[in-house]
Amino acid sequence: MERVYLATGSNLGDKAANLQAALDLIEIYIGDLVAVSGLYRTEAWGIEDQPEFYNQVMALDTNLESETLLVAVMEIERQMGRERRIRWGERLIDIDILFYGDLVAQSQRLTIPHPFIQERNFVLQPLLEIAPDLVHPVLQKTIRELATASPDPLKVERI
């Protein structure tokens, strides 16, 4: 079993319901839920002229290999109606793999840990809630340290 951390986000439709539906499917297809953050309201990152996001982070224990986990995540997004049109654009659901144990890996389809964790308050704040002492395996800093040093100016609010 590997401890994995996933981030979910939505800025279309009933955002809270979308995140709950994703969480339910993640529990069915990916593994045993260990911890889940509250919901966070965040300004859009990347393309700012779009509705605000709701974001959440969770920790799970899984038997899936990292590439299989990616396939499962993409299938959940597909089942929920995600359409990949514009990078950082509006989306019904987005699921990102943040950490997969202490794995550091890069393939054409997957980079672990997620390359932008340290730059995104909408990931760092929920992670801070459930895993403040988790150490980033590349940067060798805790989530608490990364959150304190984050360059992200966007507002994140727990709801």
C-alpha atoms as a PDB file:
ATOM      1  CA  MET A   1       0.000   0.000   0.000  1.00  0.00           C
ATOM      2  CA  GLU A   2       1.170   3.497  -0.828  1.00  0.00           C
ATOM      3  CA  ARG A   3      -0.045   6.721   0.739  1.00  0.00           C
ATOM      4  CA  VAL A   4      -1.152   9.069  -2.010  1.00  0.00           C
ATOM      5  CA  TYR A   5      -2.367  12.641  -1.887  1.00  0.00           C
ATOM      6  CA  LEU A   6      -4.871  13.876  -4.447  1.00  0.00           C
ATOM      7  CA  ALA A   7      -6.287  17.350  -5.059  1.00  0.00           C
ATOM      8  CA  THR A   8      -9.733  17.923  -6.511  1.00  0.00           C
ATOM      9  CA  GLY A   9     -11.173  21.111  -7.934  1.00  0.00           C
ATOM     10  CA  SER A  10     -14.345  22.300  -9.637  1.00  0.00           C
ATOM     11  CA  ASN A  11     -15.642  25.630 -10.904  1.00  0.00           C
ATOM     12  CA  LEU A  12     -18.737  24.601 -12.872  1.00  0.00           C
ATOM     13  CA  GLY A  13     -22.200  23.598 -11.696  1.00  0.00           C
ATOM     14  CA  ASP A  14     -22.719  22.563  -8.064  1.00  0.00           C
ATOM     15  CA  LYS A  15     -19.055  22.649  -7.097  1.00  0.00           C
ATOM     16  CA  ALA A  16     -19.476  21.129  -3.634  1.00  0.00           C
ATOM     17  CA  ALA A  17     -21.563  18.275  -5.045  1.00  0.00           C
ATOM     18  CA  ASN A  18     -18.986  17.710  -7.790  1.00  0.00           C
ATOM     19  CA  LEU A  19     -16.196  17.378  -5.218  1.00  0.00           C
ATOM     20  CA  GLN A  20     -18.282  14.990  -3.121  1.00  0.00           C
ATOM     21  CA  ALA A  21     -19.074  12.861  -6.181  1.00  0.00           C
ATOM     22  CA  ALA A  22     -15.374  12.743  -7.043  1.00  0.00           C
ATOM     23  CA  LEU A  23     -14.510  11.762  -3.469  1.00  0.00           C
ATOM     24  CA  ASP A  24     -17.077   8.949  -3.580  1.00  0.00           C
ATOM     25  CA  LEU A  25     -15.654   7.604  -6.858  1.00  0.00           C
ATOM     26  CA  ILE A  26     -12.081   7.949  -5.604  1.00  0.00           C
ATOM     27  CA  GLU A  27     -12.951   5.803  -2.583  1.00  0.00           C
ATOM     28  CA  ILE A  28     -14.505   3.169  -4.849  1.00  0.00           C
ATOM     29  CA  TYR A  29     -11.777   3.006  -7.500  1.00  0.00           C
ATOM     30  CA  ILE A  30      -8.556   4.131  -5.850  1.00  0.00           C
ATOM     31  CA  GLY A  31      -8.258   3.192  -2.211  1.00  0.00           C
ATOM     32  CA  ASP A  32      -8.990   3.710   1.453  1.00  0.00           C
ATOM     33  CA  LEU A  33      -9.558   7.283   2.534  1.00  0.00           C
ATOM     34  CA  VAL A  34      -7.203   8.294   5.351  1.00  0.00           C
ATOM     35  CA  ALA A  35      -7.866  12.051   5.608  1.00  0.00           C
ATOM     36  CA  VAL A  36      -9.789  14.699   3.731  1.00  0.00           C
ATOM     37  CA  SER A  37      -9.559  18.469   4.010  1.00  0.00           C
ATOM     38  CA  GLY A  38     -12.444  20.842   4.198  1.00  0.00           C
ATOM     39  CA  LEU A  39     -13.571  22.710   1.101  1.00  0.00           C
ATOM     40  CA  TYR A  40     -11.697  25.817   0.040  1.00  0.00           C
ATOM     41  CA  ARG A  41     -12.994  28.618  -2.173  1.00  0.00           C
ATOM     42  CA  THR A  42     -10.250  29.950  -4.408  1.00  0.00           C
ATOM     43  CA  GLU A  43      -9.773  32.467  -7.144  1.00  0.00           C
ATOM     44  CA  ALA A  44      -9.039  30.952 -10.545  1.00  0.00           C
ATOM     45  CA  TRP A  45      -5.362  30.180 -11.174  1.00  0.00           C
ATOM     46  CA  GLY A  46      -3.838  30.423 -14.645  1.00  0.00           C
ATOM     47  CA  ILE A  47      -6.790  31.896 -16.512  1.00  0.00           C
ATOM     48  CA  GLU A  48      -8.355  34.381 -14.118  1.00  0.00           C
ATOM     49  CA  ASP A  49     -11.482  35.344 -16.111  1.00  0.00           C
ATOM     50  CA  GLN A  50     -13.577  32.366 -15.005  1.00  0.00           C
ATOM     51  CA  PRO A  51     -15.691  31.331 -11.995  1.00  0.00           C
ATOM     52  CA  GLU A  52     -13.999  30.716  -8.650  1.00  0.00           C
ATOM     53  CA  PHE A  53     -13.012  27.176  -7.740  1.00  0.00           C
ATOM     54  CA  TYR A  54     -13.810  24.902  -4.852  1.00  0.00           C
ATOM     55  CA  ASN A  55     -10.804  22.770  -3.948  1.00  0.00           C
ATOM     56  CA  GLN A  56     -10.096  19.879  -1.612  1.00  0.00           C
ATOM     57  CA  VAL A  57      -7.186  17.562  -0.817  1.00  0.00           C
ATOM     58  CA  MET A  58      -7.286  13.978   0.406  1.00  0.00           C
ATOM     59  CA  ALA A  59      -4.919  11.245   1.538  1.00  0.00           C
ATOM     60  CA  LEU A  60      -5.564   7.635   0.582  1.00  0.00           C
ATOM     61  CA  ASP A  61      -3.856   4.294   0.836  1.00  0.00           C
ATOM     62  CA  THR A  62      -3.837   2.490  -2.509  1.00  0.00           C
ATOM     63  CA  ASN A  63      -2.553  -0.689  -4.106  1.00  0.00           C
ATOM     64  CA  LEU A  64      -2.514   0.938  -7.554  1.00  0.00           C
ATOM     65  CA  GLU A  65       0.819   1.630  -9.241  1.00  0.00           C
ATOM     66  CA  SER A  66       1.404   5.296 -10.111  1.00  0.00           C
ATOM     67  CA  GLU A  67       0.582   5.005 -13.826  1.00  0.00           C
ATOM     68  CA  THR A  68      -2.504   2.899 -13.049  1.00  0.00           C
ATOM     69  CA  LEU A  69      -3.538   5.557 -10.542  1.00  0.00           C
ATOM     70  CA  LEU A  70      -3.336   8.161 -13.305  1.00  0.00           C
ATOM     71  CA  VAL A  71      -5.576   6.028 -15.527  1.00  0.00           C
ATOM     72  CA  ALA A  72      -8.090   5.671 -12.667  1.00  0.00           C
ATOM     73  CA  VAL A  73      -8.072   9.427 -11.999  1.00  0.00           C
ATOM     74  CA  MET A  74      -8.632  10.224 -15.672  1.00  0.00           C
ATOM     75  CA  GLU A  75     -11.454   7.676 -15.856  1.00  0.00           C
ATOM     76  CA  ILE A  76     -13.187   9.259 -12.860  1.00  0.00           C
ATOM     77  CA  GLU A  77     -12.877  12.670 -14.530  1.00  0.00           C
ATOM     78  CA  ARG A  78     -14.304  11.201 -17.751  1.00  0.00           C
ATOM     79  CA  GLN A  79     -17.208   9.528 -15.924  1.00  0.00           C
ATOM     80  CA  MET A  80     -18.052  12.848 -14.296  1.00  0.00           C
ATOM     81  CA  GLY A  81     -18.138  14.631 -17.664  1.00  0.00           C
ATOM     82  CA  ARG A  82     -14.783  16.397 -17.736  1.00  0.00           C
ATOM     83  CA  GLU A  83     -13.914  17.797 -21.139  1.00  0.00           C
ATOM     84  CA  ARG A  84     -10.278  18.772 -21.666  1.00  0.00           C
ATOM     85  CA  ARG A  85     -10.375  21.892 -23.810  1.00  0.00           C
ATOM     86  CA  ILE A  86      -8.274  24.727 -22.432  1.00  0.00           C
ATOM     87  CA  ARG A  87      -5.359  24.279 -20.044  1.00  0.00           C
ATOM     88  CA  TRP A  88      -6.269  25.854 -16.690  1.00  0.00           C
ATOM     89  CA  GLY A  89      -9.752  26.596 -18.023  1.00  0.00           C
ATOM     90  CA  GLU A  90     -13.175  25.949 -16.533  1.00  0.00           C
ATOM     91  CA  ARG A  91     -13.844  22.399 -15.470  1.00  0.00           C
ATOM     92  CA  LEU A  92     -16.538  20.320 -13.866  1.00  0.00           C
ATOM     93  CA  ILE A  93     -13.866  18.295 -12.085  1.00  0.00           C
ATOM     94  CA  ASP A  94     -10.102  18.209 -11.950  1.00  0.00           C
ATOM     95  CA  ILE A  95      -8.149  15.574 -10.031  1.00  0.00           C
ATOM     96  CA  ASP A  96      -4.400  15.913  -9.603  1.00  0.00           C
ATOM     97  CA  ILE A  97      -1.965  13.413  -8.137  1.00  0.00           C
ATOM     98  CA  LEU A  98       0.147  15.421  -5.697  1.00  0.00           C
ATOM     99  CA  PHE A  99       2.268  12.753  -4.009  1.00  0.00           C
ATOM    100  CA  TYR A 100       2.635   8.994  -4.357  1.00  0.00           C
ATOM    101  CA  GLY A 101       4.526   7.912  -1.240  1.00  0.00           C
ATOM    102  CA  ASP A 102       8.089   9.198  -1.562  1.00  0.00           C
ATOM    103  CA  LEU A 103       8.167   8.477  -5.292  1.00  0.00           C
ATOM    104  CA  VAL A 104       9.957  10.939  -7.539  1.00  0.00           C
ATOM    105  CA  ALA A 105       9.185  10.087 -11.159  1.00  0.00           C
ATOM    106  CA  GLN A 106       8.612  11.640 -14.532  1.00  0.00           C
ATOM    107  CA  SER A 107       7.101  10.093 -17.607  1.00  0.00           C
ATOM    108  CA  GLN A 108       5.422  11.596 -20.642  1.00  0.00           C
ATOM    109  CA  ARG A 109       2.074  11.425 -18.888  1.00  0.00           C
ATOM    110  CA  LEU A 110       2.885  11.885 -15.219  1.00  0.00           C
ATOM    111  CA  THR A 111       5.205  13.864 -12.954  1.00  0.00           C
ATOM    112  CA  ILE A 112       5.343  12.942  -9.262  1.00  0.00           C
ATOM    113  CA  PRO A 113       5.337  14.914  -7.088  1.00  0.00           C
ATOM    114  CA  HIS A 114       3.087  17.348  -8.928  1.00  0.00           C
ATOM    115  CA  PRO A 115       5.395  20.081 -10.261  1.00  0.00           C
ATOM    116  CA  PHE A 116       3.351  23.083  -9.049  1.00  0.00           C
ATOM    117  CA  ILE A 117       2.495  22.144  -5.440  1.00  0.00           C
ATOM    118  CA  GLN A 118       4.779  24.784  -3.953  1.00  0.00           C
ATOM    119  CA  GLU A 119       3.271  27.509  -6.164  1.00  0.00           C
ATOM    120  CA  ARG A 120      -0.424  26.956  -5.459  1.00  0.00           C
ATOM    121  CA  ASN A 121      -2.132  28.077  -2.270  1.00  0.00           C
ATOM    122  CA  PHE A 122      -5.272  26.195  -3.297  1.00  0.00           C
ATOM    123  CA  VAL A 123      -3.239  22.995  -2.882  1.00  0.00           C
ATOM    124  CA  LEU A 124      -1.007  24.064   0.006  1.00  0.00           C
ATOM    125  CA  GLN A 125      -3.765  25.307   2.328  1.00  0.00           C
ATOM    126  CA  PRO A 126      -5.859  22.101   2.227  1.00  0.00           C
ATOM    127  CA  LEU A 127      -2.653  20.026   2.469  1.00  0.00           C
ATOM    128  CA  LEU A 128      -1.634  22.078   5.494  1.00  0.00           C
ATOM    129  CA  GLU A 129      -4.910  21.040   7.132  1.00  0.00           C
ATOM    130  CA  ILE A 130      -4.356  17.278   6.740  1.00  0.00           C
ATOM    131  CA  ALA A 131      -0.573  16.820   6.429  1.00  0.00           C
ATOM    132  CA  PRO A 132       1.393  19.846   7.687  1.00  0.00           C
ATOM    133  CA  ASP A 133       4.517  17.800   8.420  1.00  0.00           C
ATOM    134  CA  LEU A 134       4.556  15.882   5.137  1.00  0.00           C
ATOM    135  CA  VAL A 135       7.953  16.385   3.499  1.00  0.00           C
ATOM    136  CA  HIS A 136       8.116  17.139  -0.218  1.00  0.00           C
ATOM    137  CA  PRO A 137      10.517  14.449  -1.522  1.00  0.00           C
ATOM    138  CA  VAL A 138      12.253  16.781  -3.990  1.00  0.00           C
ATOM    139  CA  LEU A 139      12.284  20.106  -2.154  1.00  0.00           C
ATOM    140  CA  GLN A 140      12.891  18.481   1.258  1.00  0.00           C
ATOM    141  CA  LYS A 141      10.562  20.959   2.956  1.00  0.00           C
ATOM    142  CA  THR A 142       7.388  20.327   4.914  1.00  0.00           C
ATOM    143  CA  ILE A 143       4.010  21.450   3.647  1.00  0.00           C
ATOM    144  CA  ARG A 144       4.023  23.974   6.498  1.00  0.00           C
ATOM    145  CA  GLU A 145       7.321  25.440   5.230  1.00  0.00           C
ATOM    146  CA  LEU A 146       6.103  25.492   1.626  1.00  0.00           C
ATOM    147  CA  ALA A 147       2.841  27.203   2.616  1.00  0.00           C
ATOM    148  CA  THR A 148       4.725  29.854   4.579  1.00  0.00           C
ATOM    149  CA  ALA A 149       7.028  30.556   1.621  1.00  0.00           C
ATOM    150  CA  SER A 150       4.378  30.338  -1.112  1.00  0.00           C
ATOM    151  CA  PRO A 151       4.672  33.032  -3.796  1.00  0.00           C
ATOM    152  CA  ASP A 152       0.990  32.607  -4.776  1.00  0.00           C
ATOM    153  CA  PRO A 153      -0.925  35.890  -4.230  1.00  0.00           C
ATOM    154  CA  LEU A 154      -4.371  34.360  -4.834  1.00  0.00           C
ATOM    155  CA  LYS A 155      -6.860  34.303  -1.976  1.00  0.00           C
ATOM    156  CA  VAL A 156      -7.881  30.925  -0.525  1.00  0.00           C
ATOM    157  CA  GLU A 157     -10.770  30.693   1.956  1.00  0.00           C
ATOM    158  CA  ARG A 158     -11.956  27.624   3.891  1.00  0.00           C
ATOM    159  CA  ILE A 159     -15.737  27.271   3.640  1.00  0.00           C
END
